[in-house]
Amino acid sequence: MATAPYNYSYIFKYIIIGDMGVGKSCLLHQFTEKKFMADCPHTIGVEFGTRIIEVSGQKIKLQIWDTAGQERFRAVTRSYYRGAAGALMVYDITRRSTYNHLSSWLTDARNLTNPNTVIILIGNKADLEAQRDVTYEEAKQFAEENGLLFLEASAKTFCSLESTQ
């Protein structure tokens, strides 16, 4: 009997979207390398990471595409939305402007992905509670109104706080 060439049963593509500086690359690095990068350079175009996880005894390979948040790269990064099983839409809880741009990111995600793509709203930098500019409640309401999963997280401490549907 031949051995399978892969050590996973499924492969899923995820994209990370949101404004520049919200911590998308730091979240990716923490998830894939289990390390916090204090000085994450800004992404130019897209970066790519993978990790194999186990769910219900099945190994699943996650392909995670970290897109640049700068407006000048949006035309390029939009091509990476195709085929995504999920989108992590990230904002910075300490910068209201990043929250205010979520509708635009959500429009792109809905227009450029499959209708069954799962979109998760992530409020990053939860470790900076004293500098919070967006309340948990208002982000949770935005998520509920738009049918998104929601959680707050910290790429620095690699924790997540309460998830909702």
C-alpha atoms as a PDB file:
ATOM      1  CA  MET A   1       0.000   0.000   0.000  1.00  0.00           C
ATOM      2  CA  ALA A   2       1.415   3.385  -0.983  1.00  0.00           C
ATOM      3  CA  THR A   3       1.882   6.017   1.686  1.00  0.00           C
ATOM      4  CA  ALA A   4       0.010   9.287   1.174  1.00  0.00           C
ATOM      5  CA  PRO A   5       2.359  12.113   0.162  1.00  0.00           C
ATOM      6  CA  TYR A   6       0.734  14.509   2.663  1.00  0.00           C
ATOM      7  CA  ASN A   7       0.336  14.323   6.423  1.00  0.00           C
ATOM      8  CA  TYR A   8      -3.051  16.074   6.419  1.00  0.00           C
ATOM      9  CA  SER A   9      -6.556  15.228   5.236  1.00  0.00           C
ATOM     10  CA  TYR A  10      -7.818  18.667   4.235  1.00  0.00           C
ATOM     11  CA  ILE A  11      -6.416  22.014   3.182  1.00  0.00           C
ATOM     12  CA  PHE A  12      -8.171  25.330   3.785  1.00  0.00           C
ATOM     13  CA  LYS A  13      -7.206  28.779   2.580  1.00  0.00           C
ATOM     14  CA  TYR A  14      -7.701  31.765   4.868  1.00  0.00           C
ATOM     15  CA  ILE A  15      -7.045  35.418   4.163  1.00  0.00           C
ATOM     16  CA  ILE A  16      -6.247  38.125   6.700  1.00  0.00           C
ATOM     17  CA  ILE A  17      -7.596  41.552   5.763  1.00  0.00           C
ATOM     18  CA  GLY A  18      -7.742  44.976   7.396  1.00  0.00           C
ATOM     19  CA  ASP A  19      -6.010  48.336   7.534  1.00  0.00           C
ATOM     20  CA  MET A  20      -2.250  48.765   7.693  1.00  0.00           C
ATOM     21  CA  GLY A  21      -0.813  48.495  11.194  1.00  0.00           C
ATOM     22  CA  VAL A  22      -3.653  46.550  12.852  1.00  0.00           C
ATOM     23  CA  GLY A  23      -1.368  43.583  13.532  1.00  0.00           C
ATOM     24  CA  LYS A  24      -2.317  41.156  10.759  1.00  0.00           C
ATOM     25  CA  SER A  25       1.267  39.986  10.222  1.00  0.00           C
ATOM     26  CA  CYS A  26       1.878  39.747  13.963  1.00  0.00           C
ATOM     27  CA  LEU A  27      -1.213  37.549  14.374  1.00  0.00           C
ATOM     28  CA  LEU A  28      -0.031  35.327  11.527  1.00  0.00           C
ATOM     29  CA  HIS A  29       3.490  35.062  12.943  1.00  0.00           C
ATOM     30  CA  GLN A  30       2.190  34.284  16.428  1.00  0.00           C
ATOM     31  CA  PHE A  31      -0.148  31.597  15.073  1.00  0.00           C
ATOM     32  CA  THR A  32       2.414  29.921  12.804  1.00  0.00           C
ATOM     33  CA  GLU A  33       5.659  30.439  14.762  1.00  0.00           C
ATOM     34  CA  LYS A  34       4.314  30.930  18.311  1.00  0.00           C
ATOM     35  CA  LYS A  35       6.430  34.084  18.626  1.00  0.00           C
ATOM     36  CA  PHE A  36       5.577  37.761  18.896  1.00  0.00           C
ATOM     37  CA  MET A  37       7.369  40.088  16.495  1.00  0.00           C
ATOM     38  CA  ALA A  38       7.481  43.499  18.153  1.00  0.00           C
ATOM     39  CA  ASP A  39       8.677  45.193  14.965  1.00  0.00           C
ATOM     40  CA  CYS A  40       6.645  43.541  12.227  1.00  0.00           C
ATOM     41  CA  PRO A  41       7.505  45.203   8.926  1.00  0.00           C
ATOM     42  CA  HIS A  42       4.584  46.366   6.787  1.00  0.00           C
ATOM     43  CA  THR A  43       3.494  43.730   4.306  1.00  0.00           C
ATOM     44  CA  ILE A  44       4.055  44.517   0.648  1.00  0.00           C
ATOM     45  CA  GLY A  45       1.517  42.639  -1.450  1.00  0.00           C
ATOM     46  CA  VAL A  46       0.953  39.386   0.461  1.00  0.00           C
ATOM     47  CA  GLU A  47       2.787  37.117   2.867  1.00  0.00           C
ATOM     48  CA  PHE A  48       2.034  33.447   3.317  1.00  0.00           C
ATOM     49  CA  GLY A  49       2.056  31.095   6.285  1.00  0.00           C
ATOM     50  CA  THR A  50       0.897  27.562   7.014  1.00  0.00           C
ATOM     51  CA  ARG A  51       0.059  25.472  10.021  1.00  0.00           C
ATOM     52  CA  ILE A  52      -1.372  22.010  10.447  1.00  0.00           C
ATOM     53  CA  ILE A  53      -4.030  21.673  13.135  1.00  0.00           C
ATOM     54  CA  GLU A  54      -6.058  18.707  14.301  1.00  0.00           C
ATOM     55  CA  VAL A  55      -9.855  18.809  14.513  1.00  0.00           C
ATOM     56  CA  SER A  56     -11.868  15.736  15.496  1.00  0.00           C
ATOM     57  CA  GLY A  57      -8.907  13.485  14.756  1.00  0.00           C
ATOM     58  CA  GLN A  58      -8.395  14.925  11.254  1.00  0.00           C
ATOM     59  CA  LYS A  59      -5.258  16.858  10.319  1.00  0.00           C
ATOM     60  CA  ILE A  60      -6.035  20.071   8.469  1.00  0.00           C
ATOM     61  CA  LYS A  61      -3.501  22.272   6.746  1.00  0.00           C
ATOM     62  CA  LEU A  62      -4.312  25.972   6.957  1.00  0.00           C
ATOM     63  CA  GLN A  63      -2.876  28.200   4.243  1.00  0.00           C
ATOM     64  CA  ILE A  64      -2.989  31.737   5.575  1.00  0.00           C
ATOM     65  CA  TRP A  65      -2.562  34.671   3.217  1.00  0.00           C
ATOM     66  CA  ASP A  66      -1.682  37.919   4.991  1.00  0.00           C
ATOM     67  CA  THR A  67      -2.670  40.811   2.716  1.00  0.00           C
ATOM     68  CA  ALA A  68      -1.197  44.299   2.732  1.00  0.00           C
ATOM     69  CA  GLY A  69      -3.495  46.880   4.305  1.00  0.00           C
ATOM     70  CA  GLN A  70      -2.229  49.844   2.326  1.00  0.00           C
ATOM     71  CA  GLU A  71      -4.701  51.204  -0.206  1.00  0.00           C
ATOM     72  CA  ARG A  72      -2.083  51.156  -2.985  1.00  0.00           C
ATOM     73  CA  PHE A  73      -1.870  47.332  -2.740  1.00  0.00           C
ATOM     74  CA  ARG A  74      -5.614  46.623  -2.604  1.00  0.00           C
ATOM     75  CA  ALA A  75      -5.987  45.931  -6.321  1.00  0.00           C
ATOM     76  CA  VAL A  76      -3.234  43.305  -6.058  1.00  0.00           C
ATOM     77  CA  THR A  77      -4.417  41.726  -2.814  1.00  0.00           C
ATOM     78  CA  ARG A  78      -8.025  41.381  -4.005  1.00  0.00           C
ATOM     79  CA  SER A  79      -6.921  38.565  -6.317  1.00  0.00           C
ATOM     80  CA  TYR A  80      -6.030  36.459  -3.251  1.00  0.00           C
ATOM     81  CA  TYR A  81      -9.604  36.413  -1.922  1.00  0.00           C
ATOM     82  CA  ARG A  82     -10.685  33.791  -4.464  1.00  0.00           C
ATOM     83  CA  GLY A  83     -11.030  30.300  -3.007  1.00  0.00           C
ATOM     84  CA  ALA A  84     -10.798  31.405   0.626  1.00  0.00           C
ATOM     85  CA  ALA A  85     -12.692  29.229   3.094  1.00  0.00           C
ATOM     86  CA  GLY A  86     -12.394  31.999   5.649  1.00  0.00           C
ATOM     87  CA  ALA A  87     -11.459  35.630   6.093  1.00  0.00           C
ATOM     88  CA  LEU A  88     -10.042  37.126   9.273  1.00  0.00           C
ATOM     89  CA  MET A  89     -11.044  40.791   9.201  1.00  0.00           C
ATOM     90  CA  VAL A  90      -8.825  42.609  11.697  1.00  0.00           C
ATOM     91  CA  TYR A  91      -9.046  46.050  13.288  1.00  0.00           C
ATOM     92  CA  ASP A  92      -7.022  47.678  16.076  1.00  0.00           C
ATOM     93  CA  ILE A  93      -9.078  48.291  19.245  1.00  0.00           C
ATOM     94  CA  THR A  94      -6.911  51.370  19.973  1.00  0.00           C
ATOM     95  CA  ARG A  95      -7.475  53.049  16.565  1.00  0.00           C
ATOM     96  CA  ARG A  96     -11.071  53.928  15.715  1.00  0.00           C
ATOM     97  CA  SER A  97     -10.175  54.697  12.091  1.00  0.00           C
ATOM     98  CA  THR A  98      -9.372  50.999  11.531  1.00  0.00           C
ATOM     99  CA  TYR A  99     -12.803  50.076  12.901  1.00  0.00           C
ATOM    100  CA  ASN A 100     -14.491  52.719  10.741  1.00  0.00           C
ATOM    101  CA  HIS A 101     -13.040  51.075   7.598  1.00  0.00           C
ATOM    102  CA  LEU A 102     -14.527  47.624   8.354  1.00  0.00           C
ATOM    103  CA  SER A 103     -17.553  48.124   6.081  1.00  0.00           C
ATOM    104  CA  SER A 104     -15.240  48.583   3.101  1.00  0.00           C
ATOM    105  CA  TRP A 105     -13.242  45.455   3.978  1.00  0.00           C
ATOM    106  CA  LEU A 106     -16.451  43.503   4.498  1.00  0.00           C
ATOM    107  CA  THR A 107     -17.792  44.600   1.108  1.00  0.00           C
ATOM    108  CA  ASP A 108     -14.603  43.349  -0.575  1.00  0.00           C
ATOM    109  CA  ALA A 109     -14.741  40.052   1.321  1.00  0.00           C
ATOM    110  CA  ARG A 110     -18.373  39.448   0.413  1.00  0.00           C
ATOM    111  CA  ASN A 111     -17.934  40.460  -3.233  1.00  0.00           C
ATOM    112  CA  LEU A 112     -14.695  38.575  -3.871  1.00  0.00           C
ATOM    113  CA  THR A 113     -15.186  35.313  -1.973  1.00  0.00           C
ATOM    114  CA  ASN A 114     -17.625  32.436  -2.105  1.00  0.00           C
ATOM    115  CA  PRO A 115     -20.970  33.109  -0.362  1.00  0.00           C
ATOM    116  CA  ASN A 116     -20.125  30.309   2.111  1.00  0.00           C
ATOM    117  CA  THR A 117     -16.834  31.894   3.193  1.00  0.00           C
ATOM    118  CA  VAL A 118     -16.739  32.318   6.966  1.00  0.00           C
ATOM    119  CA  ILE A 119     -15.780  35.847   8.009  1.00  0.00           C
ATOM    120  CA  ILE A 120     -14.417  36.414  11.499  1.00  0.00           C
ATOM    121  CA  LEU A 121     -14.078  39.915  12.937  1.00  0.00           C
ATOM    122  CA  ILE A 122     -11.015  40.230  15.169  1.00  0.00           C
ATOM    123  CA  GLY A 123     -10.311  43.195  17.418  1.00  0.00           C
ATOM    124  CA  ASN A 124      -6.538  42.985  17.865  1.00  0.00           C
ATOM    125  CA  LYS A 125      -4.311  44.474  20.576  1.00  0.00           C
ATOM    126  CA  ALA A 126      -6.601  43.458  23.456  1.00  0.00           C
ATOM    127  CA  ASP A 127      -3.538  43.709  25.708  1.00  0.00           C
ATOM    128  CA  LEU A 128      -3.764  47.520  25.319  1.00  0.00           C
ATOM    129  CA  GLU A 129      -7.045  47.875  27.233  1.00  0.00           C
ATOM    130  CA  ALA A 130      -6.039  51.239  28.739  1.00  0.00           C
ATOM    131  CA  GLN A 131      -5.714  52.702  25.214  1.00  0.00           C
ATOM    132  CA  ARG A 132      -8.989  51.225  23.904  1.00  0.00           C
ATOM    133  CA  ASP A 133     -10.824  53.425  21.388  1.00  0.00           C
ATOM    134  CA  VAL A 134     -13.453  50.886  20.218  1.00  0.00           C
ATOM    135  CA  THR A 135     -15.668  49.200  22.792  1.00  0.00           C
ATOM    136  CA  TYR A 136     -16.170  45.455  22.809  1.00  0.00           C
ATOM    137  CA  GLU A 137     -19.939  45.994  22.749  1.00  0.00           C
ATOM    138  CA  GLU A 138     -20.002  48.137  19.592  1.00  0.00           C
ATOM    139  CA  ALA A 139     -17.762  45.708  17.697  1.00  0.00           C
ATOM    140  CA  LYS A 140     -19.886  42.786  18.874  1.00  0.00           C
ATOM    141  CA  GLN A 141     -23.001  44.602  17.618  1.00  0.00           C
ATOM    142  CA  PHE A 142     -21.344  45.258  14.227  1.00  0.00           C
ATOM    143  CA  ALA A 143     -20.497  41.541  14.006  1.00  0.00           C
ATOM    144  CA  GLU A 144     -24.036  40.472  14.918  1.00  0.00           C
ATOM    145  CA  GLU A 145     -25.623  42.900  12.445  1.00  0.00           C
ATOM    146  CA  ASN A 146     -23.405  41.526   9.672  1.00  0.00           C
ATOM    147  CA  GLY A 147     -23.561  37.822  10.552  1.00  0.00           C
ATOM    148  CA  LEU A 148     -19.893  37.593  11.539  1.00  0.00           C
ATOM    149  CA  LEU A 149     -18.108  35.606  14.202  1.00  0.00           C
ATOM    150  CA  PHE A 150     -16.308  37.966  16.610  1.00  0.00           C
ATOM    151  CA  LEU A 151     -13.480  37.896  19.095  1.00  0.00           C
ATOM    152  CA  GLU A 152     -10.843  40.150  20.539  1.00  0.00           C
ATOM    153  CA  ALA A 153      -7.265  38.942  20.575  1.00  0.00           C
ATOM    154  CA  SER A 154      -3.699  39.950  21.264  1.00  0.00           C
ATOM    155  CA  ALA A 155      -0.891  38.937  18.939  1.00  0.00           C
ATOM    156  CA  LYS A 156       1.485  39.944  21.739  1.00  0.00           C
ATOM    157  CA  THR A 157       0.079  37.716  24.486  1.00  0.00           C
ATOM    158  CA  PHE A 158      -1.591  35.261  22.051  1.00  0.00           C
ATOM    159  CA  CYS A 159      -4.870  35.224  23.865  1.00  0.00           C
ATOM    160  CA  SER A 160      -8.416  35.644  22.666  1.00  0.00           C
ATOM    161  CA  LEU A 161     -11.294  37.027  24.679  1.00  0.00           C
ATOM    162  CA  GLU A 162     -14.852  35.734  24.313  1.00  0.00           C
ATOM    163  CA  SER A 163     -16.030  34.710  20.908  1.00  0.00           C
ATOM    164  CA  THR A 164     -19.578  35.205  19.735  1.00  0.00           C
ATOM    165  CA  GLN A 165     -21.692  34.486  16.694  1.00  0.00           C
END
